[in-house]
Amino acid sequence: MDVPGRRRNPYELTEETPVYVISVAAQLSGLHPQTLRQYDRLGLVSPDRTAGGGRRYSARDIELLRAVQQLSQDEGINLAGIKRIIELENQVAALQQRVAELQSAVDGAAAAMQQREAAVHASYRCFSSTDPSTASSRTRSP
């Protein structure tokens, strides 16, 4: 988890870190390396590339490969359908992130507004209790 203001360790491995070569990724996902190449060509999974062009898969890529296989084999969905499902899931995740950001901004604005409102009310109380001319004007009837 990234903490604002904290420098990230460049050697820290996350689920996004591309560390697995294609043979290891194939073993971990239960797929043939050629299937991984095909999924890459189709845009279902996009592993990072080394300077020499070799594919490097992350733990998240492995999870995605397993999900693609499950949708294809168990659910009978074709690869074009799977690609669309992945795109929509990514879009939903991005929108959920944006909603969370906007909710945080709204919460912050609401808290600031409440503070300003409380300060205004406090200033009225201070003003009315220290100024005798306003106290008498409020007690008069129209």
Foldseek 3Di string as FASTA:
>chain_A
DDDPPDDDDPPDADQQDFADFLVVLCVLLVHDSVVVVVCCVVVQAPADADPVGTGTHGNVSSVSSNVQCCCCPVVVDDPVVSSVVVVVVVVVVVVVVVVVVVVVVVVVVVVVVVVVVVVVVVVVVVVCVPDVVVVVVVPDDD
